[in-house]
Amino acid sequence: MLAHNGMCRKIGYHIENLGGIGSVMSRIIPICGLLIVFMHLQACSLYYVSSLQKFSTWNNQFDHWRNFEGGIEAANRSEAYTWMLIQAVGNMFAMNFKPQTIPEQVLNIIFIVCGGALYALLVGLLSSAVIAYDSSGRLYRQKLDELNEYMTWKRIDVPTKKKVLSYYEFKYRGKYFEEQNLLADMNGSLRMMGVIPSIFGKIAMALTAMYYITGDFVFHQGEIGAGMYFIHSGMVNIIVSGKQVATAKEGSFFGEVALIANIPRTASIQAACACTLYSLSAVDFTTIINEFEDMKERMELIYEERMERVKREAEAKKAIN
C-alpha cells in the first residue's frame, strides 16, 4: 500500500537521491517506521486492555510494579508508557510480557504473530540490501576470482597472469560494467541524449572503448587496417621499421588512413602506458559518412590526396633502390 502512495514514492525518491542508498534501503526506512508505530500500538493496546480489568495481577506479577511505590496505579503516564514500550519491544523478539488474563493472552498472541511477520520482512529487506550493495564491485571481484581460477587451471605463467590482471584492473577499476550491453538496451533517443545530432554525434555513438596496458600493440606495421583510434587517456609510441619515431598523447588520433583507403598500416602503435582508446571502424564510418553528402565529398578529396602521396612515396623508394 505504501509503495502505491504518491507521497511515499516521492519521499522514497528523495531519500534515494539524497543518501545514495538505493531502492532497497528506501524501502527499509518505511518498514522501520512501521515497526515503531506497531510497537507503540502494541504498548497502548496492552495497557488499555489491562486497565479495563484494573491491572488485577500486575502489581504481584511484575517485579517493576511490585517494588514501585503505590503500584502501577500510582505511576504517571510517561512511566507507564515507557515500561509498556519496553514490553512491546521485548515481544518483537521473544515473549517478554507475561499475560495473565484471557484478553491479555489473545492480544499478546496477535501482536507476537504480527511482530514476527514485520521482523521477518525487515530481515529480508536487510538481506536484499546487503546483496545489492556495491553489486558492480561484487561482480568485479567475482570476475577476478574466476579469472584467477581459470589461469591456475590452465597453468598460465606468472608474468602473463600479472599482465592479464593488470589489464582487468585498468579496464574495470574495481567496478564491473558491460557498457555495450547497457547501451544496447536503450533506445536511440536515450543513447543520443547529450550528444549533438550531427556527423560528430553519430561518430561519437559509433565509438568503441578499447583498453591497453604498457607494452601492448594496438596494431602492427603492414597489417590491413580496419579502423582508426582516438586517445582518451594515456600515450602510445609510433614505431616504423622497428624504430620509435614519435609519440601520441591523449586527444590525438591515429590510423585514419584505414577509413579512406584499404592499404597496409604504415607504422606500428604500442602503448607506452595504460591507455584508453576509442575505436571507429571503417564500416561504421562509411555508413555514417553516406548520410552527409558534403562530408562524403570532402573525404573523397582527402582520399585522392592521400593515395597520390602514397603513390609518390612508393615511386621515390623504387627510385632509391
C-alpha atoms as a PDB file:
ATOM      1  CA  MET A   1       0.000   0.000   0.000  1.00  0.00           C
ATOM      2  CA  LEU A   2       2.826   2.375   0.852  1.00  0.00           C
ATOM      3  CA  ALA A   3       4.517   1.594  -2.472  1.00  0.00           C
ATOM      4  CA  HIS A   4       1.455   2.844  -4.393  1.00  0.00           C
ATOM      5  CA  ASN A   5       1.078   6.029  -2.359  1.00  0.00           C
ATOM      6  CA  GLY A   6       2.235   9.067  -4.336  1.00  0.00           C
ATOM      7  CA  MET A   7       3.606  10.906  -1.322  1.00  0.00           C
ATOM      8  CA  CYS A   8       5.526   7.808  -0.117  1.00  0.00           C
ATOM      9  CA  ARG A   9       7.007   7.289  -3.593  1.00  0.00           C
ATOM     10  CA  LYS A  10       8.089  10.923  -3.722  1.00  0.00           C
ATOM     11  CA  ILE A  11       9.695  10.727  -0.267  1.00  0.00           C
ATOM     12  CA  GLY A  12      11.434   7.461  -1.233  1.00  0.00           C
ATOM     13  CA  TYR A  13      12.753   9.056  -4.425  1.00  0.00           C
ATOM     14  CA  HIS A  14      14.244  11.982  -2.465  1.00  0.00           C
ATOM     15  CA  ILE A  15      15.768   9.599   0.104  1.00  0.00           C
ATOM     16  CA  GLU A  16      17.496   7.622  -2.672  1.00  0.00           C
ATOM     17  CA  ASN A  17      18.885  10.775  -4.298  1.00  0.00           C
ATOM     18  CA  LEU A  18      19.872  12.402  -1.010  1.00  0.00           C
ATOM     19  CA  GLY A  19      21.705   9.491   0.562  1.00  0.00           C
ATOM     20  CA  GLY A  20      22.547   7.403  -2.494  1.00  0.00           C
ATOM     21  CA  ILE A  21      21.341   4.383  -0.554  1.00  0.00           C
ATOM     22  CA  GLY A  22      19.432   2.650  -3.317  1.00  0.00           C
ATOM     23  CA  SER A  23      15.864   1.463  -3.675  1.00  0.00           C
ATOM     24  CA  VAL A  24      16.182  -1.381  -1.140  1.00  0.00           C
ATOM     25  CA  MET A  25      17.259   0.938   1.668  1.00  0.00           C
ATOM     26  CA  SER A  26      14.476   3.372   0.806  1.00  0.00           C
ATOM     27  CA  ARG A  27      12.036   0.509   1.470  1.00  0.00           C
ATOM     28  CA  ILE A  28      13.721  -0.423   4.745  1.00  0.00           C
ATOM     29  CA  ILE A  29      13.192   3.056   6.248  1.00  0.00           C
ATOM     30  CA  PRO A  30       9.351   2.927   5.954  1.00  0.00           C
ATOM     31  CA  ILE A  31       9.376  -0.608   7.425  1.00  0.00           C
ATOM     32  CA  CYS A  32      11.386   0.668  10.409  1.00  0.00           C
ATOM     33  CA  GLY A  33       8.832   3.458  10.827  1.00  0.00           C
ATOM     34  CA  LEU A  34       6.040   0.906  10.643  1.00  0.00           C
ATOM     35  CA  LEU A  35       7.749  -1.178  13.330  1.00  0.00           C
ATOM     36  CA  ILE A  36       7.895   1.844  15.644  1.00  0.00           C
ATOM     37  CA  VAL A  37       4.193   2.556  15.080  1.00  0.00           C
ATOM     38  CA  PHE A  38       3.418  -1.132  15.628  1.00  0.00           C
ATOM     39  CA  MET A  39       5.275  -1.236  18.959  1.00  0.00           C
ATOM     40  CA  HIS A  40       3.551   1.975  20.070  1.00  0.00           C
ATOM     41  CA  LEU A  41       0.149   0.489  19.180  1.00  0.00           C
ATOM     42  CA  GLN A  42       1.029  -2.747  20.997  1.00  0.00           C
ATOM     43  CA  ALA A  43       2.105  -0.919  24.152  1.00  0.00           C
ATOM     44  CA  CYS A  44      -1.031   1.230  24.233  1.00  0.00           C
ATOM     45  CA  SER A  45      -3.360  -1.685  23.457  1.00  0.00           C
ATOM     46  CA  LEU A  46      -1.927  -3.978  26.138  1.00  0.00           C
ATOM     47  CA  TYR A  47      -2.097  -1.166  28.665  1.00  0.00           C
ATOM     48  CA  TYR A  48      -5.690  -0.336  27.743  1.00  0.00           C
ATOM     49  CA  VAL A  49      -6.906  -3.962  27.873  1.00  0.00           C
ATOM     50  CA  SER A  50      -5.286  -4.491  31.285  1.00  0.00           C
ATOM     51  CA  SER A  51      -6.628  -1.186  32.590  1.00  0.00           C
ATOM     52  CA  LEU A  52     -10.167  -2.398  31.880  1.00  0.00           C
ATOM     53  CA  GLN A  53      -9.532  -5.136  34.432  1.00  0.00           C
ATOM     54  CA  LYS A  54      -7.918  -2.748  36.925  1.00  0.00           C
ATOM     55  CA  PHE A  55      -4.443  -4.281  36.425  1.00  0.00           C
ATOM     56  CA  SER A  56      -5.638  -7.180  38.588  1.00  0.00           C
ATOM     57  CA  THR A  57      -2.331  -9.102  38.602  1.00  0.00           C
ATOM     58  CA  TRP A  58       0.314  -6.594  37.549  1.00  0.00           C
ATOM     59  CA  ASN A  59       1.425  -5.407  40.995  1.00  0.00           C
ATOM     60  CA  ASN A  60       2.139  -9.016  42.007  1.00  0.00           C
ATOM     61  CA  GLN A  61       3.206 -10.354  38.590  1.00  0.00           C
ATOM     62  CA  PHE A  62       5.894  -7.842  37.614  1.00  0.00           C
ATOM     63  CA  ASP A  63       8.858  -7.009  39.859  1.00  0.00           C
ATOM     64  CA  HIS A  64       8.917  -3.479  38.474  1.00  0.00           C
ATOM     65  CA  TRP A  65       5.457  -2.642  39.817  1.00  0.00           C
ATOM     66  CA  ARG A  66       5.843  -4.790  42.950  1.00  0.00           C
ATOM     67  CA  ASN A  67       8.733  -2.573  44.001  1.00  0.00           C
ATOM     68  CA  PHE A  68       7.139   0.627  42.681  1.00  0.00           C
ATOM     69  CA  GLU A  69       5.595   2.709  45.484  1.00  0.00           C
ATOM     70  CA  GLY A  70       1.823   2.597  45.087  1.00  0.00           C
ATOM     71  CA  GLY A  71       1.996   0.061  42.230  1.00  0.00           C
ATOM     72  CA  ILE A  72       1.038   0.762  38.648  1.00  0.00           C
ATOM     73  CA  GLU A  73      -1.962   2.822  39.717  1.00  0.00           C
ATOM     74  CA  ALA A  74       0.425   5.423  41.167  1.00  0.00           C
ATOM     75  CA  ALA A  75       2.593   5.678  38.004  1.00  0.00           C
ATOM     76  CA  ASN A  76       2.202   8.693  35.741  1.00  0.00           C
ATOM     77  CA  ARG A  77       1.620   8.359  32.007  1.00  0.00           C
ATOM     78  CA  SER A  78       5.278   8.652  30.947  1.00  0.00           C
ATOM     79  CA  GLU A  79       6.390   5.998  33.473  1.00  0.00           C
ATOM     80  CA  ALA A  80       3.628   3.604  32.427  1.00  0.00           C
ATOM     81  CA  TYR A  81       4.159   4.217  28.728  1.00  0.00           C
ATOM     82  CA  THR A  82       7.941   3.739  28.935  1.00  0.00           C
ATOM     83  CA  TRP A  83       7.521   0.416  30.740  1.00  0.00           C
ATOM     84  CA  MET A  84       4.860  -0.767  28.292  1.00  0.00           C
ATOM     85  CA  LEU A  85       7.015   0.215  25.298  1.00  0.00           C
ATOM     86  CA  ILE A  86       9.881  -1.864  26.691  1.00  0.00           C
ATOM     87  CA  GLN A  87       7.492  -4.819  26.959  1.00  0.00           C
ATOM     88  CA  ALA A  88       6.368  -4.244  23.354  1.00  0.00           C
ATOM     89  CA  VAL A  89       9.962  -4.210  22.107  1.00  0.00           C
ATOM     90  CA  GLY A  90      10.583  -7.454  24.001  1.00  0.00           C
ATOM     91  CA  ASN A  91       7.562  -9.044  22.329  1.00  0.00           C
ATOM     92  CA  MET A  92       9.100  -8.408  18.911  1.00  0.00           C
ATOM     93  CA  PHE A  93      11.845 -10.948  19.585  1.00  0.00           C
ATOM     94  CA  ALA A  94      10.606 -13.135  22.440  1.00  0.00           C
ATOM     95  CA  MET A  95       7.549 -13.104  24.673  1.00  0.00           C
ATOM     96  CA  ASN A  96       8.637 -10.514  27.226  1.00  0.00           C
ATOM     97  CA  PHE A  97       5.188  -9.570  28.502  1.00  0.00           C
ATOM     98  CA  LYS A  98       3.614 -12.434  30.513  1.00  0.00           C
ATOM     99  CA  PRO A  99      -0.163 -12.227  30.022  1.00  0.00           C
ATOM    100  CA  GLN A 100      -2.421 -13.496  32.793  1.00  0.00           C
ATOM    101  CA  THR A 101      -5.992 -12.757  31.784  1.00  0.00           C
ATOM    102  CA  ILE A 102      -7.645 -14.178  28.637  1.00  0.00           C
ATOM    103  CA  PRO A 103      -7.935 -10.763  26.845  1.00  0.00           C
ATOM    104  CA  GLU A 104      -4.229 -10.135  27.522  1.00  0.00           C
ATOM    105  CA  GLN A 105      -3.323 -13.592  26.175  1.00  0.00           C
ATOM    106  CA  VAL A 106      -5.369 -13.181  22.964  1.00  0.00           C
ATOM    107  CA  LEU A 107      -3.980  -9.701  22.310  1.00  0.00           C
ATOM    108  CA  ASN A 108      -0.447 -10.858  23.036  1.00  0.00           C
ATOM    109  CA  ILE A 109      -0.741 -13.734  20.523  1.00  0.00           C
ATOM    110  CA  ILE A 110      -1.973 -11.352  17.799  1.00  0.00           C
ATOM    111  CA  PHE A 111       0.868  -8.895  18.389  1.00  0.00           C
ATOM    112  CA  ILE A 112       3.534 -11.602  18.520  1.00  0.00           C
ATOM    113  CA  VAL A 113       2.391 -13.055  15.174  1.00  0.00           C
ATOM    114  CA  CYS A 114       2.195  -9.631  13.506  1.00  0.00           C
ATOM    115  CA  GLY A 115       5.514  -8.588  15.030  1.00  0.00           C
ATOM    116  CA  GLY A 116       7.167 -11.776  13.784  1.00  0.00           C
ATOM    117  CA  ALA A 117       5.904 -11.077  10.252  1.00  0.00           C
ATOM    118  CA  LEU A 118       7.192  -7.496  10.306  1.00  0.00           C
ATOM    119  CA  TYR A 119      10.513  -8.634  11.746  1.00  0.00           C
ATOM    120  CA  ALA A 120      10.877 -11.278   9.000  1.00  0.00           C
ATOM    121  CA  LEU A 121      10.096  -8.610   6.378  1.00  0.00           C
ATOM    122  CA  LEU A 122      12.758  -6.321   7.835  1.00  0.00           C
ATOM    123  CA  VAL A 123      15.350  -9.125   7.883  1.00  0.00           C
ATOM    124  CA  GLY A 124      14.509  -9.960   4.254  1.00  0.00           C
ATOM    125  CA  LEU A 125      14.931  -6.343   3.167  1.00  0.00           C
ATOM    126  CA  LEU A 126      18.208  -6.042   5.071  1.00  0.00           C
ATOM    127  CA  SER A 127      19.475  -9.194   3.351  1.00  0.00           C
ATOM    128  CA  SER A 128      18.491  -7.722  -0.028  1.00  0.00           C
ATOM    129  CA  ALA A 129      20.296  -4.502   0.844  1.00  0.00           C
ATOM    130  CA  VAL A 130      23.496  -6.384   1.698  1.00  0.00           C
ATOM    131  CA  ILE A 131      23.340  -8.308  -1.591  1.00  0.00           C
ATOM    132  CA  ALA A 132      22.504  -5.208  -3.652  1.00  0.00           C
ATOM    133  CA  TYR A 133      25.198  -3.028  -2.046  1.00  0.00           C
ATOM    134  CA  ASP A 134      28.107  -2.433  -4.417  1.00  0.00           C
ATOM    135  CA  SER A 135      26.826  -5.066  -6.855  1.00  0.00           C
ATOM    136  CA  SER A 136      29.247  -3.931  -9.569  1.00  0.00           C
ATOM    137  CA  GLY A 137      32.173  -4.253  -7.153  1.00  0.00           C
ATOM    138  CA  ARG A 138      30.989  -7.722  -6.156  1.00  0.00           C
ATOM    139  CA  LEU A 139      30.764  -8.756  -9.824  1.00  0.00           C
ATOM    140  CA  TYR A 140      34.273  -7.377 -10.396  1.00  0.00           C
ATOM    141  CA  ARG A 141      35.719  -9.436  -7.539  1.00  0.00           C
ATOM    142  CA  GLN A 142      33.817 -12.492  -8.755  1.00  0.00           C
ATOM    143  CA  LYS A 143      35.213 -11.933 -12.254  1.00  0.00           C
ATOM    144  CA  LEU A 144      38.781 -11.701 -10.926  1.00  0.00           C
ATOM    145  CA  ASP A 145      38.322 -14.859  -8.811  1.00  0.00           C
ATOM    146  CA  GLU A 146      37.010 -16.699 -11.869  1.00  0.00           C
ATOM    147  CA  LEU A 147      39.907 -15.400 -13.976  1.00  0.00           C
ATOM    148  CA  ASN A 148      42.496 -16.416 -11.376  1.00  0.00           C
ATOM    149  CA  GLU A 149      41.000 -19.880 -11.105  1.00  0.00           C
ATOM    150  CA  TYR A 150      40.973 -20.264 -14.886  1.00  0.00           C
ATOM    151  CA  MET A 151      44.613 -19.164 -15.284  1.00  0.00           C
ATOM    152  CA  THR A 152      45.689 -21.501 -12.472  1.00  0.00           C
ATOM    153  CA  TRP A 153      43.811 -24.386 -14.105  1.00  0.00           C
ATOM    154  CA  LYS A 154      45.477 -23.590 -17.448  1.00  0.00           C
ATOM    155  CA  ARG A 155      48.854 -23.272 -15.711  1.00  0.00           C
ATOM    156  CA  ILE A 156      49.483 -19.810 -17.122  1.00  0.00           C
ATOM    157  CA  ASP A 157      52.916 -18.460 -16.198  1.00  0.00           C
ATOM    158  CA  VAL A 158      53.172 -15.755 -13.521  1.00  0.00           C
ATOM    159  CA  PRO A 159      54.234 -12.818 -15.801  1.00  0.00           C
ATOM    160  CA  THR A 160      51.255 -13.458 -18.101  1.00  0.00           C
ATOM    161  CA  LYS A 161      48.950 -13.702 -15.085  1.00  0.00           C
ATOM    162  CA  LYS A 162      50.147 -10.335 -13.804  1.00  0.00           C
ATOM    163  CA  LYS A 163      49.667  -8.741 -17.208  1.00  0.00           C
ATOM    164  CA  VAL A 164      46.132 -10.099 -17.588  1.00  0.00           C
ATOM    165  CA  LEU A 165      45.179  -8.970 -14.070  1.00  0.00           C
ATOM    166  CA  SER A 166      46.675  -5.518 -14.737  1.00  0.00           C
ATOM    167  CA  TYR A 167      44.506  -5.269 -17.843  1.00  0.00           C
ATOM    168  CA  TYR A 168      41.329  -6.096 -15.917  1.00  0.00           C
ATOM    169  CA  GLU A 169      42.219  -3.739 -13.065  1.00  0.00           C
ATOM    170  CA  PHE A 170      42.818  -0.902 -15.519  1.00  0.00           C
ATOM    171  CA  LYS A 171      39.711  -1.603 -17.604  1.00  0.00           C
ATOM    172  CA  TYR A 172      37.176  -2.017 -14.803  1.00  0.00           C
ATOM    173  CA  ARG A 173      38.797  -0.075 -11.903  1.00  0.00           C
ATOM    174  CA  GLY A 174      37.033  -2.145  -9.253  1.00  0.00           C
ATOM    175  CA  LYS A 175      33.587  -1.927 -10.912  1.00  0.00           C
ATOM    176  CA  TYR A 176      32.340  -4.476 -13.433  1.00  0.00           C
ATOM    177  CA  PHE A 177      30.058  -2.971 -16.084  1.00  0.00           C
ATOM    178  CA  GLU A 178      29.273  -4.217 -19.578  1.00  0.00           C
ATOM    179  CA  GLU A 179      28.865  -0.795 -21.152  1.00  0.00           C
ATOM    180  CA  GLN A 180      27.941  -2.081 -24.603  1.00  0.00           C
ATOM    181  CA  ASN A 181      25.174  -4.284 -23.199  1.00  0.00           C
ATOM    182  CA  LEU A 182      23.800  -1.459 -21.053  1.00  0.00           C
ATOM    183  CA  LEU A 183      23.701   0.928 -24.005  1.00  0.00           C
ATOM    184  CA  ALA A 184      22.234  -1.740 -26.289  1.00  0.00           C
ATOM    185  CA  ASP A 185      19.183  -1.966 -24.024  1.00  0.00           C
ATOM    186  CA  MET A 186      18.439   1.745 -24.527  1.00  0.00           C
ATOM    187  CA  ASN A 187      16.570   3.173 -27.480  1.00  0.00           C
ATOM    188  CA  GLY A 188      18.265   5.510 -29.928  1.00  0.00           C
ATOM    189  CA  SER A 189      16.841   8.628 -28.315  1.00  0.00           C
ATOM    190  CA  LEU A 190      18.284   7.769 -24.895  1.00  0.00           C
ATOM    191  CA  ARG A 191      21.677   6.863 -26.336  1.00  0.00           C
ATOM    192  CA  MET A 192      21.845  10.223 -28.149  1.00  0.00           C
ATOM    193  CA  MET A 193      20.994  12.296 -25.051  1.00  0.00           C
ATOM    194  CA  GLY A 194      23.727  14.877 -24.511  1.00  0.00           C
ATOM    195  CA  VAL A 195      25.189  14.194 -27.972  1.00  0.00           C
ATOM    196  CA  ILE A 196      24.948  16.823 -30.720  1.00  0.00           C
ATOM    197  CA  PRO A 197      22.795  15.394 -33.555  1.00  0.00           C
ATOM    198  CA  SER A 198      25.406  15.838 -36.278  1.00  0.00           C
ATOM    199  CA  ILE A 199      28.049  13.750 -38.010  1.00  0.00           C
ATOM    200  CA  PHE A 200      30.229  14.162 -34.918  1.00  0.00           C
ATOM    201  CA  GLY A 201      27.411  12.977 -32.679  1.00  0.00           C
ATOM    202  CA  LYS A 202      26.878   9.934 -34.902  1.00  0.00           C
ATOM    203  CA  ILE A 203      30.591   9.170 -34.828  1.00  0.00           C
ATOM    204  CA  ALA A 204      30.683   9.541 -31.043  1.00  0.00           C
ATOM    205  CA  MET A 205      27.922   6.951 -30.715  1.00  0.00           C
ATOM    206  CA  ALA A 206      29.786   4.537 -33.012  1.00  0.00           C
ATOM    207  CA  LEU A 207      32.995   4.601 -30.948  1.00  0.00           C
ATOM    208  CA  THR A 208      34.015   1.503 -29.016  1.00  0.00           C
ATOM    209  CA  ALA A 209      36.180   1.697 -25.891  1.00  0.00           C
ATOM    210  CA  MET A 210      39.446  -0.258 -26.065  1.00  0.00           C
ATOM    211  CA  TYR A 211      41.906  -0.763 -23.203  1.00  0.00           C
ATOM    212  CA  TYR A 212      45.651  -1.428 -23.465  1.00  0.00           C
ATOM    213  CA  ILE A 213      48.346  -1.760 -20.824  1.00  0.00           C
ATOM    214  CA  THR A 214      52.020  -0.931 -21.115  1.00  0.00           C
ATOM    215  CA  GLY A 215      53.701  -2.820 -23.941  1.00  0.00           C
ATOM    216  CA  ASP A 216      50.531  -3.888 -25.754  1.00  0.00           C
ATOM    217  CA  PHE A 217      50.465  -3.353 -29.518  1.00  0.00           C
ATOM    218  CA  VAL A 218      47.334  -1.732 -30.935  1.00  0.00           C
ATOM    219  CA  PHE A 219      48.337  -2.867 -34.413  1.00  0.00           C
ATOM    220  CA  HIS A 220      51.494  -3.694 -36.371  1.00  0.00           C
ATOM    221  CA  GLN A 221      53.063  -2.154 -39.437  1.00  0.00           C
ATOM    222  CA  GLY A 222      51.971  -3.924 -42.610  1.00  0.00           C
ATOM    223  CA  GLU A 223      48.594  -5.093 -41.307  1.00  0.00           C
ATOM    224  CA  ILE A 224      45.475  -4.180 -43.248  1.00  0.00           C
ATOM    225  CA  GLY A 225      43.658  -1.543 -41.225  1.00  0.00           C
ATOM    226  CA  ALA A 226      40.017  -1.808 -40.267  1.00  0.00           C
ATOM    227  CA  GLY A 227      39.574   1.406 -38.304  1.00  0.00           C
ATOM    228  CA  MET A 228      41.101   4.423 -36.577  1.00  0.00           C
ATOM    229  CA  TYR A 229      41.670   5.255 -32.913  1.00  0.00           C
ATOM    230  CA  PHE A 230      41.241   8.263 -30.620  1.00  0.00           C
ATOM    231  CA  ILE A 231      43.351   8.509 -27.451  1.00  0.00           C
ATOM    232  CA  HIS A 232      41.143   9.243 -24.451  1.00  0.00           C
ATOM    233  CA  SER A 233      43.889   8.771 -21.863  1.00  0.00           C
ATOM    234  CA  GLY A 234      47.489   7.599 -21.870  1.00  0.00           C
ATOM    235  CA  MET A 235      50.224   7.720 -24.505  1.00  0.00           C
ATOM    236  CA  VAL A 236      51.323   5.500 -27.412  1.00  0.00           C
ATOM    237  CA  ASN A 237      54.599   5.092 -29.294  1.00  0.00           C
ATOM    238  CA  ILE A 238      54.642   5.237 -33.089  1.00  0.00           C
ATOM    239  CA  ILE A 239      57.150   2.715 -34.443  1.00  0.00           C
ATOM    240  CA  VAL A 240      58.317   2.484 -38.062  1.00  0.00           C
ATOM    241  CA  SER A 241      60.575  -0.382 -39.173  1.00  0.00           C
ATOM    242  CA  GLY A 242      61.354  -1.246 -35.546  1.00  0.00           C
ATOM    243  CA  LYS A 243      62.332   2.308 -34.547  1.00  0.00           C
ATOM    244  CA  GLN A 244      60.275   4.710 -32.429  1.00  0.00           C
ATOM    245  CA  VAL A 245      59.725   7.853 -34.484  1.00  0.00           C
ATOM    246  CA  ALA A 246      57.093   9.716 -32.438  1.00  0.00           C
ATOM    247  CA  THR A 247      54.594   9.568 -29.589  1.00  0.00           C
ATOM    248  CA  ALA A 248      50.926  10.485 -29.435  1.00  0.00           C
ATOM    249  CA  LYS A 249      49.114  11.613 -26.283  1.00  0.00           C
ATOM    250  CA  GLU A 250      45.510  11.971 -25.182  1.00  0.00           C
ATOM    251  CA  GLY A 251      43.430  13.994 -27.605  1.00  0.00           C
ATOM    252  CA  SER A 252      45.379  12.641 -30.577  1.00  0.00           C
ATOM    253  CA  PHE A 253      44.207  10.111 -33.140  1.00  0.00           C
ATOM    254  CA  PHE A 254      45.894   7.664 -35.497  1.00  0.00           C
ATOM    255  CA  GLY A 255      45.093   5.015 -38.099  1.00  0.00           C
ATOM    256  CA  GLU A 256      42.785   7.347 -40.021  1.00  0.00           C
ATOM    257  CA  VAL A 257      44.130   6.134 -43.387  1.00  0.00           C
ATOM    258  CA  ALA A 258      42.238   2.866 -42.822  1.00  0.00           C
ATOM    259  CA  LEU A 259      38.959   4.769 -43.034  1.00  0.00           C
ATOM    260  CA  ILE A 260      39.555   6.084 -46.533  1.00  0.00           C
ATOM    261  CA  ALA A 261      41.999   3.656 -48.136  1.00  0.00           C
ATOM    262  CA  ASN A 262      42.391  -0.094 -47.976  1.00  0.00           C
ATOM    263  CA  ILE A 263      46.170  -0.019 -47.583  1.00  0.00           C
ATOM    264  CA  PRO A 264      48.519  -1.654 -45.044  1.00  0.00           C
ATOM    265  CA  ARG A 265      49.382   0.137 -41.813  1.00  0.00           C
ATOM    266  CA  THR A 266      52.371   2.410 -42.302  1.00  0.00           C
ATOM    267  CA  ALA A 267      53.524   2.128 -38.655  1.00  0.00           C
ATOM    268  CA  SER A 268      53.145   0.028 -35.527  1.00  0.00           C
ATOM    269  CA  ILE A 269      51.435   1.512 -32.469  1.00  0.00           C
ATOM    270  CA  GLN A 270      52.473   0.383 -28.981  1.00  0.00           C
ATOM    271  CA  ALA A 271      51.030   1.525 -25.630  1.00  0.00           C
ATOM    272  CA  ALA A 272      53.657   3.466 -23.669  1.00  0.00           C
ATOM    273  CA  CYS A 273      51.477   3.253 -20.546  1.00  0.00           C
ATOM    274  CA  ALA A 274      47.963   2.168 -19.636  1.00  0.00           C
ATOM    275  CA  CYS A 275      45.728   3.666 -22.331  1.00  0.00           C
ATOM    276  CA  THR A 276      42.038   4.071 -23.006  1.00  0.00           C
ATOM    277  CA  LEU A 277      41.346   4.357 -26.731  1.00  0.00           C
ATOM    278  CA  TYR A 278      38.148   4.725 -28.705  1.00  0.00           C
ATOM    279  CA  SER A 279      37.955   2.797 -31.955  1.00  0.00           C
ATOM    280  CA  LEU A 280      35.939   3.765 -35.035  1.00  0.00           C
ATOM    281  CA  SER A 281      35.585   1.007 -37.608  1.00  0.00           C
ATOM    282  CA  ALA A 282      35.724   1.696 -41.331  1.00  0.00           C
ATOM    283  CA  VAL A 283      32.291   0.071 -41.758  1.00  0.00           C
ATOM    284  CA  ASP A 284      30.645   2.379 -39.205  1.00  0.00           C
ATOM    285  CA  PHE A 285      32.401   5.416 -40.638  1.00  0.00           C
ATOM    286  CA  THR A 286      31.278   4.600 -44.179  1.00  0.00           C
ATOM    287  CA  THR A 287      27.682   4.134 -43.022  1.00  0.00           C
ATOM    288  CA  ILE A 288      27.712   7.479 -41.226  1.00  0.00           C
ATOM    289  CA  ILE A 289      29.501   9.449 -43.955  1.00  0.00           C
ATOM    290  CA  ASN A 290      26.942   8.339 -46.542  1.00  0.00           C
ATOM    291  CA  GLU A 291      24.303  10.307 -44.621  1.00  0.00           C
ATOM    292  CA  PHE A 292      26.213  13.595 -45.055  1.00  0.00           C
ATOM    293  CA  GLU A 293      26.880  14.411 -48.712  1.00  0.00           C
ATOM    294  CA  ASP A 294      29.180  17.398 -48.088  1.00  0.00           C
ATOM    295  CA  MET A 295      31.411  15.398 -45.733  1.00  0.00           C
ATOM    296  CA  LYS A 296      31.431  12.498 -48.167  1.00  0.00           C
ATOM    297  CA  GLU A 297      32.783  14.782 -50.931  1.00  0.00           C
ATOM    298  CA  ARG A 298      35.468  16.168 -48.613  1.00  0.00           C
ATOM    299  CA  MET A 299      36.560  12.656 -47.611  1.00  0.00           C
ATOM    300  CA  GLU A 300      36.813  11.654 -51.267  1.00  0.00           C
ATOM    301  CA  LEU A 301      39.143  14.599 -51.878  1.00  0.00           C
ATOM    302  CA  ILE A 302      41.257  13.610 -48.861  1.00  0.00           C
ATOM    303  CA  TYR A 303      41.326  10.043 -50.133  1.00  0.00           C
ATOM    304  CA  GLU A 304      42.614  11.166 -53.555  1.00  0.00           C
ATOM    305  CA  GLU A 305      45.302  13.340 -51.930  1.00  0.00           C
ATOM    306  CA  ARG A 306      46.410  10.512 -49.655  1.00  0.00           C
ATOM    307  CA  MET A 307      46.575   7.996 -52.484  1.00  0.00           C
ATOM    308  CA  GLU A 308      48.592  10.433 -54.588  1.00  0.00           C
ATOM    309  CA  ARG A 309      51.042  10.902 -51.712  1.00  0.00           C
ATOM    310  CA  VAL A 310      51.326   7.135 -51.177  1.00  0.00           C
ATOM    311  CA  LYS A 311      51.997   6.720 -54.882  1.00  0.00           C
ATOM    312  CA  ARG A 312      54.778   9.356 -54.839  1.00  0.00           C
ATOM    313  CA  GLU A 313      56.378   7.774 -51.761  1.00  0.00           C
ATOM    314  CA  ALA A 314      56.332   4.353 -53.431  1.00  0.00           C
ATOM    315  CA  GLU A 315      57.939   5.767 -56.604  1.00  0.00           C
ATOM    316  CA  ALA A 316      60.595   7.538 -54.546  1.00  0.00           C
ATOM    317  CA  LYS A 317      61.509   4.323 -52.714  1.00  0.00           C
ATOM    318  CA  LYS A 318      61.686   2.446 -56.016  1.00  0.00           C
ATOM    319  CA  ALA A 319      63.991   5.121 -57.475  1.00  0.00           C
ATOM    320  CA  ILE A 320      66.325   4.905 -54.475  1.00  0.00           C
ATOM    321  CA  ASN A 321      66.529   1.137 -54.758  1.00  0.00           C
END
